[in-house]
Each structure stands twice: as structure tokens, then as C-alpha cells.
Amino acid sequence: MTTDVTELSLPDLVCPMPVLKAKKALAGLAPGALLRVRSTDRHSLADLRDFCTQTGHALVEQSESDEGDRHWFVTLIRRKD
């Protein structure tokens, strides 16, 4: 079984915008759905980790990657049931 992942790309947005955009995107997803947040804000990893702890969403994975001329901070979140 493959689970679809909704992608949210947020270049050049800084705190608190990545968390606010993730919160809005998660509200529109079904329980158990996955959201991948890609941000260029280095603080987004800690901010999204704290957001998941506070709201009950599951933090699945966090990573960093370089694509082109940008460094991305990537967080995968599973929407709470």
C-alpha cells in the first residue's frame, strides 16, 4: 500500500510562517495523511518538531537537502487521527 504525500514548499518564508502554513495544510488533510514541509528557514526543523509535540501530529522524519542553489529543511508529518 502506498501512502500519498502532500508537498508544501515554502522557500524564503521565516518563522512563524512555515508552522502556520503547515497547520493550515494539515487541517485540510484526512486523519493519517502525510504532509512533507520543505522550507529554507533553518529554524523550521525545531519549530515544526515543537508544533507536532504541542498538537499531537506525528513527526515522522526530518532531513536536510541541497537542490540547485537552495538548502532545504524537510519535515514529514502524519496528521493525527
Protein backbone atom coordinates (compact mmCIF):
# COMPACT_ATOMS: atom_id res chain seq x y z
CA MET A 1 0.00 0.00 0.00
CA THR A 2 1.37 3.40 -0.97
CA THR A 3 0.54 6.47 1.00
CA ASP A 4 0.26 9.72 -0.89
CA VAL A 5 2.25 12.61 0.48
CA THR A 6 1.08 16.20 0.15
CA GLU A 7 4.01 18.51 -0.56
CA LEU A 8 4.26 22.01 0.89
CA SER A 9 7.19 24.02 -0.47
CA LEU A 10 7.93 27.22 1.45
CA PRO A 11 11.02 28.96 0.07
CA ASP A 12 12.04 32.23 1.74
CA LEU A 13 9.37 32.11 4.48
CA VAL A 14 10.59 32.50 8.05
CA CYS A 15 9.10 31.86 11.48
CA PRO A 16 6.24 31.65 12.16
CA MET A 17 5.04 31.19 8.57
CA PRO A 18 6.23 27.56 7.99
CA VAL A 19 4.32 26.42 11.09
CA LEU A 20 1.21 28.43 10.21
CA LYS A 21 1.20 27.13 6.63
CA ALA A 22 1.72 23.55 7.85
CA LYS A 23 -1.13 23.93 10.35
CA LYS A 24 -3.48 25.14 7.61
CA ALA A 25 -2.41 22.37 5.20
CA LEU A 26 -2.85 19.65 7.86
CA ALA A 27 -6.36 20.92 8.67
CA GLY A 28 -7.35 20.14 5.07
CA LEU A 29 -5.98 16.58 5.10
CA ALA A 30 -7.62 13.36 6.23
CA PRO A 31 -6.54 11.78 9.52
CA GLY A 32 -3.37 9.75 9.00
CA ALA A 33 -2.39 11.64 5.83
CA LEU A 34 1.21 12.70 5.31
CA LEU A 35 2.48 16.25 4.77
CA ARG A 36 6.04 16.98 3.66
CA VAL A 37 7.07 20.54 4.51
CA ARG A 38 10.08 21.89 2.61
CA SER A 39 11.42 25.15 3.98
CA THR A 40 14.55 27.24 3.54
CA ASP A 41 14.23 28.51 7.15
CA ARG A 42 16.78 26.64 9.26
CA HIS A 43 14.64 27.12 12.37
CA SER A 44 11.72 25.28 10.77
CA LEU A 45 13.01 21.87 11.91
CA ALA A 46 12.80 22.79 15.60
CA ASP A 47 9.63 24.84 15.12
CA LEU A 48 7.79 22.02 13.33
CA ARG A 49 9.06 19.46 15.85
CA ASP A 50 7.63 21.61 18.67
CA PHE A 51 4.39 22.09 16.71
CA CYS A 52 3.93 18.32 16.41
CA THR A 53 4.58 17.83 20.13
CA GLN A 54 2.04 20.51 21.03
CA THR A 55 -0.70 19.41 18.62
CA GLY A 56 -0.41 15.62 18.65
CA HIS A 57 0.58 15.22 14.99
CA ALA A 58 3.29 12.60 14.45
CA LEU A 59 6.75 13.76 13.43
CA VAL A 60 7.80 11.03 11.01
CA GLU A 61 11.14 12.31 9.76
CA GLN A 62 13.33 15.37 9.40
CA SER A 63 16.21 15.89 6.99
CA GLU A 64 18.16 18.45 5.00
CA SER A 65 18.96 18.51 1.30
CA ASP A 66 20.60 20.72 -1.29
CA GLU A 67 18.76 21.28 -4.54
CA GLY A 68 20.13 23.74 -7.02
CA ASP A 69 21.16 26.88 -5.18
CA ARG A 70 18.94 26.25 -2.14
CA HIS A 71 19.39 24.36 1.12
CA TRP A 72 16.11 22.79 2.23
CA PHE A 73 14.96 21.70 5.67
CA VAL A 74 12.40 18.93 5.23
CA THR A 75 9.87 17.68 7.78
CA LEU A 76 7.45 14.81 7.22
CA ILE A 77 4.34 14.94 9.43
CA ARG A 78 1.49 12.45 9.80
CA ARG A 79 -1.83 14.13 10.62
CA LYS A 80 -3.27 12.99 13.91
CA ASP A 81 -6.32 10.72 13.88
